[in-house]
């Protein structure tokens, strides 16, 4: 079984479960693991934008391992520019057609099997390096106050709720990736052109769209990524059908693409990124980030809104201001408090703290949603549609554990009209005036209750929680 044949076998399946079963069957194939690492590791880069012309040796081809060894002369920059392209042509010409296809997939960093690195690592632990990500710990007053010990200062920043995205910039080439390391393909977006002018670095930030509520822009951006990222895997007719469906719902595809804004809040070097650690304090990194943006004269790459705070009281004051404000008609979720002396590390350090509104709301269960087709949850309920007693607040609660999914699926009719306790980050209101909840999550089904909250009582709960945060 050649590597190309394995790729074809995996690509032919649409079900994630079946893809995983196929990959598991070949998990001890060392050559396959080497190919996947070279194709998906962020450490390995080839700096070649276009596959050169070549003619394969069909009579006495070299083995694939020979070509893989040869790729190192490109990735370590022994050959660059036209020399690298000529050497790649030699490698491609020296192997079979099937192996040349595999080399092309490695160079393009896309094996076209629609099977992500997260799933690969579930089958073969640590096959591809995990993507480093520095998050923030949940709110804790003691930890928040500790940031200001001995006269230290902090930064209070707007908590973005867009689509998280790393930008890895090397020699003018930009790679975008999600929190779990999957490629974020938005080819043609204006902010990508601006990032190409940045010095080599890694940026942390989120993608949003000006004038579009976050919960809407996240869906639009996801559709753009799907269309742009899978052009090579679809027929032109299929892509055109996707584009027409997009424009019918959201308007001009090009306008949407060019309205994507990349808001950033941190930067580290390429070396620090792969080491998953930077010992430089945050105030230094923030100055470097501001300089990068100003030097590039960026309009679509923006610095996160900052406020220097010198006490816990000032941090809470800013948090309250943010909660009371709206962006595109949607209440803001909260802030992130960061220590000026905080280093960068993979994980959730105590020097970055979510200042976030959380509250419980009771709603009536009305209907259900099955999991996404092709996933392990496609035959069970994965989210529950519910509404307030007056019908003015509607939400879809997610976050059900596997056993609860099965229970709800088996008892759908009996559970309709029951009270569902949800945890959320407050009320939200769409442009059409309808109310919903910010990030509603399943807590439990309340068999001991037969009444739930109304819009009025939810507003009262929100006001109470906001008041408590200032005490």
Protein backbone atom coordinates (compact mmCIF):
# COMPACT_ATOMS: atom_id res chain seq x y z
CA UNK A 1 0.00 0.00 0.00
CA UNK A 2 1.56 3.31 -1.12
CA UNK A 3 1.15 6.57 0.75
CA UNK A 4 -0.93 7.91 -2.14
CA UNK A 5 -3.28 4.92 -1.87
CA UNK A 6 -3.69 5.52 1.86
CA UNK A 7 -4.45 9.19 1.18
CA UNK A 8 -7.07 8.19 -1.40
CA UNK A 9 -8.67 5.71 1.01
CA UNK A 10 -9.01 8.32 3.75
CA UNK A 11 -10.15 11.09 1.38
CA UNK A 12 -12.89 8.87 -0.09
CA UNK A 13 -14.75 8.78 3.23
CA UNK A 14 -16.90 11.71 4.38
CA UNK A 15 -17.46 10.39 7.90
CA UNK A 16 -14.94 11.51 10.51
CA UNK A 17 -15.48 8.24 12.36
CA UNK A 18 -14.64 6.14 9.30
CA UNK A 19 -11.62 8.32 8.45
CA UNK A 20 -10.35 7.74 11.98
CA UNK A 21 -10.82 3.99 11.63
CA UNK A 22 -8.83 3.97 8.38
CA UNK A 23 -6.03 6.06 9.85
CA UNK A 24 -5.92 3.79 12.90
CA UNK A 25 -5.41 0.83 10.57
CA UNK A 26 -2.18 2.46 9.30
CA UNK A 27 -1.03 4.08 12.56
CA UNK A 28 2.18 1.96 12.70
CA UNK A 29 3.25 2.90 9.17
CA UNK A 30 6.44 4.88 9.86
CA UNK A 31 6.64 6.31 6.34
CA UNK A 32 3.07 7.61 6.59
CA UNK A 33 3.85 9.26 9.91
CA UNK A 34 6.98 10.88 8.47
CA UNK A 35 5.03 12.25 5.49
CA UNK A 36 2.27 13.65 7.70
CA UNK A 37 4.80 15.31 10.00
CA UNK A 38 6.61 16.99 7.10
CA UNK A 39 3.26 18.12 5.69
CA UNK A 40 1.68 19.46 8.88
CA UNK A 41 4.39 20.43 11.33
CA UNK A 42 4.62 24.21 11.68
CA UNK A 43 8.33 23.84 12.32
CA UNK A 44 8.95 22.65 8.76
CA UNK A 45 8.55 25.19 5.95
CA UNK A 46 9.55 25.06 2.29
CA UNK A 47 9.16 28.67 1.06
CA UNK A 48 7.96 27.56 -2.40
CA UNK A 49 4.75 29.13 -3.69
CA UNK A 50 4.38 27.19 -6.95
CA UNK A 51 5.14 23.58 -7.87
CA UNK A 52 7.71 23.59 -10.74
CA UNK A 53 7.30 21.63 -13.97
CA UNK A 54 8.61 18.08 -13.88
CA UNK A 55 8.39 14.69 -15.62
CA UNK A 56 8.39 11.59 -13.45
CA UNK A 57 10.79 8.69 -14.01
CA UNK A 58 8.29 5.91 -14.63
CA UNK A 59 10.87 3.19 -15.42
CA UNK A 60 13.43 3.43 -12.59
CA UNK A 61 12.00 5.79 -9.99
CA UNK A 62 13.72 6.51 -6.71
CA UNK A 63 11.91 5.54 -3.51
CA UNK A 64 9.83 8.13 -1.68
CA UNK A 65 12.30 8.21 1.24
CA UNK A 66 14.97 9.54 -1.12
CA UNK A 67 12.81 12.53 -2.00
CA UNK A 68 11.86 13.13 1.64
CA UNK A 69 15.55 13.27 2.55
CA UNK A 70 16.08 15.75 -0.29
CA UNK A 71 13.39 18.09 0.98
CA UNK A 72 15.60 18.96 3.95
CA UNK A 73 17.88 20.97 1.62
CA UNK A 74 14.87 23.19 0.92
CA UNK A 75 13.45 23.43 4.44
CA UNK A 76 16.83 24.28 6.00
CA UNK A 77 17.39 26.95 3.32
CA UNK A 78 20.46 25.28 1.77
CA UNK A 79 18.65 25.95 -1.51
CA UNK A 80 16.51 29.07 -1.80
CA UNK A 81 14.65 30.89 -4.56
CA UNK A 82 15.16 29.49 -8.06
CA UNK A 83 17.70 26.95 -6.80
CA UNK A 84 15.11 25.51 -4.41
CA UNK A 85 12.56 25.31 -7.22
CA UNK A 86 15.05 23.52 -9.51
CA UNK A 87 15.96 21.06 -6.76
CA UNK A 88 12.29 20.34 -6.09
CA UNK A 89 11.85 19.63 -9.81
CA UNK A 90 14.71 17.10 -9.57
CA UNK A 91 13.06 15.39 -6.60
CA UNK A 92 9.65 15.25 -8.26
CA UNK A 93 11.10 13.97 -11.52
CA UNK A 94 13.04 11.24 -9.74
CA UNK A 95 10.09 9.43 -8.18
CA UNK A 96 6.88 7.73 -9.37
CA UNK A 97 3.74 9.68 -10.19
CA UNK A 98 2.09 8.60 -6.94
CA UNK A 99 5.08 9.63 -4.87
CA UNK A 100 5.36 12.94 -6.73
CA UNK A 101 1.74 13.62 -5.73
CA UNK A 102 2.70 13.01 -2.09
CA UNK A 103 5.66 15.41 -2.39
CA UNK A 104 3.36 18.07 -3.83
CA UNK A 105 1.00 17.64 -0.86
CA UNK A 106 3.92 18.07 1.54
CA UNK A 107 5.12 21.25 -0.18
CA UNK A 108 1.59 22.69 -0.17
CA UNK A 109 1.14 21.63 3.49
CA UNK A 110 -2.18 20.02 2.63
CA UNK A 111 -2.62 16.27 2.08
CA UNK A 112 -6.21 16.85 0.89
CA UNK A 113 -7.62 14.08 3.08
CA UNK A 114 -9.81 16.36 5.23
CA UNK A 115 -8.44 14.83 8.42
CA UNK A 116 -7.03 17.35 10.89
CA UNK A 117 -3.99 17.16 13.11
CA UNK A 118 -6.13 17.01 16.25
CA UNK A 119 -7.61 13.72 15.06
CA UNK A 120 -4.18 12.49 13.95
CA UNK A 121 -2.81 13.11 17.42
CA UNK A 122 -5.72 11.26 19.00
CA UNK A 123 -4.67 8.14 17.10
CA UNK A 124 -0.89 8.70 17.21
CA UNK A 125 -0.09 10.84 20.29
CA UNK A 126 2.33 13.72 19.64
CA UNK A 127 2.58 12.94 15.90
CA UNK A 128 2.26 16.66 15.15
CA UNK A 129 3.33 19.25 17.74
CA UNK A 130 0.39 20.77 19.59
CA UNK A 131 -0.30 24.40 18.76
CA UNK A 132 0.78 26.55 21.71
CA UNK A 133 -1.97 28.76 23.07
CA UNK A 134 -1.92 31.15 26.01
CA UNK A 135 -5.37 31.67 27.46
CA UNK A 136 -6.66 33.21 30.67
CA UNK A 137 -7.84 31.69 33.93
CA UNK A 138 -11.41 32.14 35.13
CA UNK A 139 -12.16 35.08 37.38
CA UNK A 140 -10.75 34.86 40.89
CA UNK A 141 -10.67 38.00 43.02
CA UNK A 142 -7.56 36.95 44.95
CA UNK A 143 -5.61 36.31 41.74
CA UNK A 144 -6.85 39.56 40.22
CA UNK A 145 -5.76 41.59 43.25
CA UNK A 146 -2.38 39.82 43.26
CA UNK A 147 -1.56 41.36 39.88
CA UNK A 148 -1.25 44.75 41.60
CA UNK A 149 1.01 43.62 44.46
CA UNK A 150 3.97 45.89 45.20
CA UNK A 151 2.72 48.71 42.99
CA UNK A 152 2.63 46.66 39.78
CA UNK A 153 0.35 47.73 36.92
CA UNK A 154 -1.86 45.77 34.59
CA UNK A 155 -3.70 46.04 31.30
CA UNK A 156 -7.45 45.72 31.02
CA UNK A 157 -8.43 44.68 27.50
CA UNK A 158 -11.74 44.11 25.75
CA UNK A 159 -12.54 40.40 25.69
CA UNK A 160 -12.92 39.53 22.05
CA UNK A 161 -15.39 36.81 21.12
CA UNK A 162 -14.46 36.50 17.46
CA UNK A 163 -12.61 33.63 15.76
CA UNK A 164 -9.22 33.02 17.41
CA UNK A 165 -6.31 33.00 14.98
CA UNK A 166 -2.51 32.78 15.13
CA UNK A 167 -0.52 34.42 12.33
CA UNK A 168 2.94 32.94 11.69
CA UNK A 169 4.91 35.36 9.52
CA UNK A 170 8.18 34.21 7.94
CA UNK A 171 9.98 36.00 5.08
CA UNK A 172 6.80 37.77 4.03
CA UNK A 173 4.75 34.56 3.95
CA UNK A 174 1.76 34.33 6.27
CA UNK A 175 0.24 31.18 7.75
CA UNK A 176 -2.98 31.43 9.72
CA UNK A 177 -4.08 28.73 12.12
CA UNK A 178 -6.88 28.13 14.60
CA UNK A 179 -6.47 27.50 18.32
CA UNK A 180 -6.09 23.77 17.67
CA UNK A 181 -3.65 24.25 14.79
CA UNK A 182 -5.99 23.81 11.82
CA UNK A 183 -5.28 26.04 8.78
CA UNK A 184 -7.39 29.20 8.54
CA UNK A 185 -7.67 29.84 4.80
CA UNK A 186 -8.95 33.28 3.84
CA UNK A 187 -7.00 33.76 0.62
CA UNK A 188 -7.39 37.25 -0.81
CA UNK A 189 -8.33 39.01 2.43
CA UNK A 190 -6.90 42.52 2.68
CA UNK A 191 -5.44 41.99 6.16
CA UNK A 192 -3.25 39.18 4.76
CA UNK A 193 -1.56 41.66 2.43
CA UNK A 194 -0.84 43.88 5.42
CA UNK A 195 0.58 41.03 7.48
CA UNK A 196 3.02 40.21 4.67
CA UNK A 197 4.74 43.53 5.46
CA UNK A 198 5.39 42.60 9.09
CA UNK A 199 8.77 41.42 10.32
CA UNK A 200 9.05 37.72 11.14
CA UNK A 201 6.92 36.98 14.21
CA UNK A 202 3.88 35.16 15.55
CA UNK A 203 0.75 37.15 16.38
CA UNK A 204 -2.17 36.17 18.60
CA UNK A 205 -5.57 37.66 17.85
CA UNK A 206 -9.09 37.16 16.55
CA UNK A 207 -10.94 37.63 13.28
CA UNK A 208 -14.08 39.75 13.23
CA UNK A 209 -16.03 41.80 10.70
CA UNK A 210 -16.73 45.50 11.17
CA UNK A 211 -20.41 46.29 11.52
CA UNK A 212 -21.42 42.64 11.96
CA UNK A 213 -22.33 41.18 15.37
CA UNK A 214 -19.75 38.64 16.57
CA UNK A 215 -22.11 35.66 16.56
CA UNK A 216 -22.95 36.45 12.92
CA UNK A 217 -19.41 37.27 11.78
CA UNK A 218 -18.06 34.02 13.22
CA UNK A 219 -20.46 32.07 11.01
CA UNK A 220 -19.65 34.16 7.93
CA UNK A 221 -15.90 33.76 8.46
CA UNK A 222 -16.35 30.00 8.95
CA UNK A 223 -18.14 29.86 5.58
CA UNK A 224 -15.35 31.85 3.91
CA UNK A 225 -12.74 29.46 5.33
CA UNK A 226 -14.74 26.48 4.08
CA UNK A 227 -15.03 27.92 0.57
CA UNK A 228 -11.43 29.12 0.27
CA UNK A 229 -9.84 26.18 2.07
CA UNK A 230 -11.51 23.47 0.02
CA UNK A 231 -11.34 24.90 -3.50
CA UNK A 232 -8.78 22.26 -4.44
CA UNK A 233 -10.99 19.46 -3.13
CA UNK A 234 -14.17 20.53 -4.92
CA UNK A 235 -15.09 20.77 -8.58
CA UNK A 236 -15.43 24.30 -9.98
CA UNK A 237 -19.18 23.68 -10.14
CA UNK A 238 -19.34 22.74 -6.46
CA UNK A 239 -17.34 25.83 -5.49
CA UNK A 240 -19.58 28.04 -7.61
CA UNK A 241 -22.64 26.56 -5.92
CA UNK A 242 -21.13 27.34 -2.51
CA UNK A 243 -20.34 30.90 -3.58
CA UNK A 244 -23.88 31.51 -4.85
CA UNK A 245 -25.36 30.18 -1.62
CA UNK A 246 -23.03 32.42 0.38
CA UNK A 247 -23.86 35.57 -1.61
CA UNK A 248 -27.59 34.86 -1.42
CA UNK A 249 -27.33 34.85 2.36
CA UNK A 250 -24.52 37.34 3.08
CA UNK A 251 -24.02 39.49 -0.04
CA UNK A 252 -20.79 39.95 -2.00
CA UNK A 253 -18.17 37.31 -1.17
CA UNK A 254 -15.31 39.67 -2.03
CA UNK A 255 -16.74 42.43 0.18
CA UNK A 256 -17.11 40.03 3.09
CA UNK A 257 -13.56 38.75 2.58
CA UNK A 258 -12.11 42.26 2.57
CA UNK A 259 -14.06 43.37 5.64
CA UNK A 260 -12.37 40.81 7.90
CA UNK A 261 -10.40 42.57 10.61
CA UNK A 262 -7.56 40.95 12.55
CA UNK A 263 -7.40 42.35 16.09
CA UNK A 264 -4.21 41.33 17.89
CA UNK A 265 -3.08 41.44 21.51
CA UNK A 266 0.28 39.64 21.67
CA UNK A 267 3.40 38.80 19.70
CA UNK A 268 6.32 36.44 20.17
CA UNK A 269 9.23 35.40 17.97
CA UNK A 270 9.16 32.30 15.77
CA UNK A 271 11.67 30.62 18.10
CA UNK A 272 9.61 31.47 21.18
CA UNK A 273 6.51 30.10 19.53
CA UNK A 274 8.03 26.69 18.87
CA UNK A 275 9.63 26.67 22.34
CA UNK A 276 6.18 27.55 23.76
CA UNK A 277 7.77 30.17 26.00
CA UNK A 278 8.81 33.83 25.98
CA UNK A 279 10.46 35.32 29.05
CA UNK A 280 9.96 38.89 27.84
CA UNK A 281 7.36 40.74 29.95
CA UNK A 282 4.03 41.65 28.42
CA UNK A 283 4.58 45.41 28.48
CA UNK A 284 7.64 44.89 26.25
CA UNK A 285 5.78 42.58 23.87
CA UNK A 286 2.90 45.05 23.68
CA UNK A 287 5.24 47.89 22.67
CA UNK A 288 6.78 45.68 19.97
CA UNK A 289 3.29 44.79 18.72
CA UNK A 290 2.24 48.43 18.54
CA UNK A 291 5.40 49.26 16.60
CA UNK A 292 4.80 46.39 14.15
CA UNK A 293 1.29 47.66 13.39
CA UNK A 294 2.36 51.30 13.06
CA UNK A 295 5.36 50.48 10.86
CA UNK A 296 3.19 48.48 8.48
CA UNK A 297 0.54 51.26 8.41
CA UNK A 298 -2.14 48.63 8.85
CA UNK A 299 -5.83 49.39 8.63
CA UNK A 300 -7.23 45.86 8.85
CA UNK A 301 -4.74 44.65 11.46
CA UNK A 302 -5.52 46.45 14.71
CA UNK A 303 -4.30 46.52 18.28
CA UNK A 304 -6.72 45.37 20.96
CA UNK A 305 -8.33 48.16 22.99
CA UNK A 306 -6.16 48.67 26.09
CA UNK A 307 -6.46 50.48 29.36
CA UNK A 308 -3.61 50.72 31.85
CA UNK A 309 -4.95 49.98 35.33
CA UNK A 310 -3.06 50.44 38.59
CA UNK A 311 -5.49 48.81 41.01
CA UNK A 312 -8.15 46.15 41.30
CA UNK A 313 -10.77 48.92 41.61
CA UNK A 314 -9.70 50.45 38.29
CA UNK A 315 -9.82 47.02 36.61
CA UNK A 316 -13.36 46.47 37.89
CA UNK A 317 -14.40 49.95 36.79
CA UNK A 318 -13.29 49.23 33.24
CA UNK A 319 -15.00 45.83 33.35
CA UNK A 320 -18.28 47.52 34.30
CA UNK A 321 -17.93 50.10 31.52
CA UNK A 322 -17.44 47.33 28.98
CA UNK A 323 -20.45 45.34 30.23
CA UNK A 324 -22.60 48.46 29.89
CA UNK A 325 -21.49 49.05 26.29
CA UNK A 326 -22.41 47.41 22.99
CA UNK A 327 -20.64 46.61 19.73
CA UNK A 328 -22.86 46.30 16.64
CA UNK A 329 -25.91 46.19 18.90
CA UNK A 330 -24.60 43.32 21.03
CA UNK A 331 -23.55 43.73 24.69
CA UNK A 332 -19.85 43.13 25.24
CA UNK A 333 -18.86 40.05 27.17
CA UNK A 334 -16.21 41.42 29.52
CA UNK A 335 -12.50 42.10 29.79
CA UNK A 336 -9.18 40.31 30.22
CA UNK A 337 -6.90 41.56 32.99
CA UNK A 338 -3.19 41.05 32.26
CA UNK A 339 -0.09 41.68 34.31
CA UNK A 340 2.44 44.03 32.71
CA UNK A 341 5.22 41.67 33.84
CA UNK A 342 3.58 38.46 32.59
CA UNK A 343 5.63 36.21 30.33
CA UNK A 344 4.23 34.11 27.46
CA UNK A 345 3.62 30.41 28.00
CA UNK A 346 1.46 27.62 26.67
CA UNK A 347 -1.56 27.24 28.97
CA UNK A 348 -3.58 29.53 31.23
CA UNK A 349 -1.25 31.46 33.54
CA UNK A 350 -2.53 33.30 36.61
CA UNK A 351 -1.31 36.62 35.21
CA UNK A 352 -4.14 36.63 32.63
CA UNK A 353 -7.63 36.62 34.13
CA UNK A 354 -11.08 36.63 32.51
CA UNK A 355 -13.27 39.35 33.96
CA UNK A 356 -16.52 37.87 32.77
CA UNK A 357 -20.22 38.02 33.63
CA UNK A 358 -21.74 34.60 34.40
CA UNK A 359 -25.31 33.89 35.42
CA UNK A 360 -27.86 31.06 35.55
CA UNK A 361 -31.16 31.27 33.70
CA UNK A 362 -34.11 28.83 33.64
CA UNK A 363 -35.86 28.29 30.29
CA UNK A 364 -38.52 25.96 28.87
CA UNK A 365 -37.35 23.17 26.51
CA UNK A 366 -39.02 23.53 23.10
CA UNK A 367 -37.08 21.49 20.48
CA UNK A 368 -33.76 19.79 19.72
CA UNK A 369 -30.83 19.68 17.31
CA UNK A 370 -28.90 16.57 16.33
CA UNK A 371 -25.10 16.67 16.00
CA UNK A 372 -23.38 17.61 12.74
CA UNK A 373 -23.63 14.96 10.04
CA UNK A 374 -20.44 12.93 9.71
CA UNK A 375 -19.43 13.38 13.36
CA UNK A 376 -19.77 10.92 16.22
CA UNK A 377 -22.79 12.87 17.50
CA UNK A 378 -24.80 12.91 14.29
CA UNK A 379 -27.40 10.48 15.69
CA UNK A 380 -27.86 12.06 19.11
CA UNK A 381 -29.16 15.41 20.35
CA UNK A 382 -26.25 17.82 20.84
CA UNK A 383 -28.08 21.06 21.65
CA UNK A 384 -31.48 22.04 23.06
CA UNK A 385 -33.65 24.91 21.85
CA UNK A 386 -35.36 26.68 24.72
CA UNK A 387 -37.19 29.92 25.50
CA UNK A 388 -38.33 32.17 28.35
CA UNK A 389 -41.81 31.96 29.88
CA UNK A 390 -43.00 34.89 27.74
CA UNK A 391 -41.29 33.58 24.60
CA UNK A 392 -39.23 36.77 24.24
CA UNK A 393 -35.85 35.12 24.89
CA UNK A 394 -34.78 32.17 22.74
CA UNK A 395 -31.52 30.24 23.00
CA UNK A 396 -29.87 26.99 21.99
CA UNK A 397 -28.04 25.44 24.95
CA UNK A 398 -24.95 23.41 24.11
CA UNK A 399 -22.29 21.55 26.08
CA UNK A 400 -24.19 18.34 26.83
CA UNK A 401 -22.03 15.42 27.94
CA UNK A 402 -22.28 12.12 26.05
CA UNK A 403 -24.55 10.37 28.56
CA UNK A 404 -26.89 13.36 28.65
CA UNK A 405 -27.02 13.46 24.83
CA UNK A 406 -28.20 9.84 24.81
CA UNK A 407 -30.71 10.48 27.61
CA UNK A 408 -32.23 13.52 25.86
CA UNK A 409 -32.37 11.66 22.54
CA UNK A 410 -34.27 8.78 24.11
CA UNK A 411 -36.67 11.05 26.04
CA UNK A 412 -37.33 13.93 23.65
CA UNK A 413 -41.12 14.01 23.88
CA UNK A 414 -41.19 13.62 27.66
CA UNK A 415 -38.69 16.45 28.13
CA UNK A 416 -40.49 19.03 25.99
CA UNK A 417 -41.85 21.76 28.23
CA UNK A 418 -39.52 20.85 31.09
CA UNK A 419 -37.31 23.51 32.69
CA UNK A 420 -33.67 23.65 31.61
CA UNK A 421 -31.10 25.47 33.74
CA UNK A 422 -28.49 27.21 31.57
CA UNK A 423 -25.34 29.14 32.32
CA UNK A 424 -24.63 32.14 30.12
CA UNK A 425 -22.72 35.40 29.90
CA UNK A 426 -25.74 37.67 29.83
CA UNK A 427 -28.46 38.79 27.42
CA UNK A 428 -27.89 39.60 23.77
CA UNK A 429 -30.16 41.30 21.27
CA UNK A 430 -30.05 40.92 17.50
CA UNK A 431 -30.72 43.68 14.98
CA UNK A 432 -34.27 42.39 14.53
CA UNK A 433 -34.92 43.09 18.22
CA UNK A 434 -35.09 39.46 19.32
CA UNK A 435 -33.39 38.53 22.60
CA UNK A 436 -31.10 35.58 23.19
CA UNK A 437 -28.39 34.54 25.64
CA UNK A 438 -24.65 34.95 25.22
CA UNK A 439 -23.01 31.51 25.04
CA UNK A 440 -25.79 29.49 26.71
CA UNK A 441 -24.52 26.19 28.16
CA UNK A 442 -26.45 23.19 29.45
CA UNK A 443 -26.37 22.83 33.26
CA UNK A 444 -29.22 20.47 34.19
CA UNK A 445 -32.86 19.61 33.61
CA UNK A 446 -34.87 20.83 36.60
CA UNK A 447 -37.50 18.18 37.40
CA UNK A 448 -38.28 20.08 40.58
CA UNK A 449 -39.50 23.19 38.72
CA UNK A 450 -42.44 23.96 36.48
CA UNK A 451 -41.85 27.71 35.99
CA UNK A 452 -38.97 29.52 34.31
CA UNK A 453 -37.59 33.03 33.85
CA UNK A 454 -39.15 35.77 31.72
CA UNK A 455 -37.30 38.52 29.85
CA UNK A 456 -37.97 40.83 32.79
CA UNK A 457 -36.58 38.42 35.39
CA UNK A 458 -33.52 37.66 33.21
CA UNK A 459 -32.78 41.37 33.00
CA UNK A 460 -33.09 41.55 36.80
CA UNK A 461 -30.67 38.64 37.21
CA UNK A 462 -28.19 40.34 34.88
CA UNK A 463 -28.41 43.64 36.79
CA UNK A 464 -27.91 41.83 40.08
CA UNK A 465 -24.82 39.95 38.84
CA UNK A 466 -23.33 43.14 37.44
CA UNK A 467 -23.86 44.88 40.76
CA UNK A 468 -22.22 42.02 42.69
CA UNK A 469 -19.04 42.29 40.66
CA UNK A 470 -18.36 45.77 41.98
CA UNK A 471 -18.54 44.78 45.65
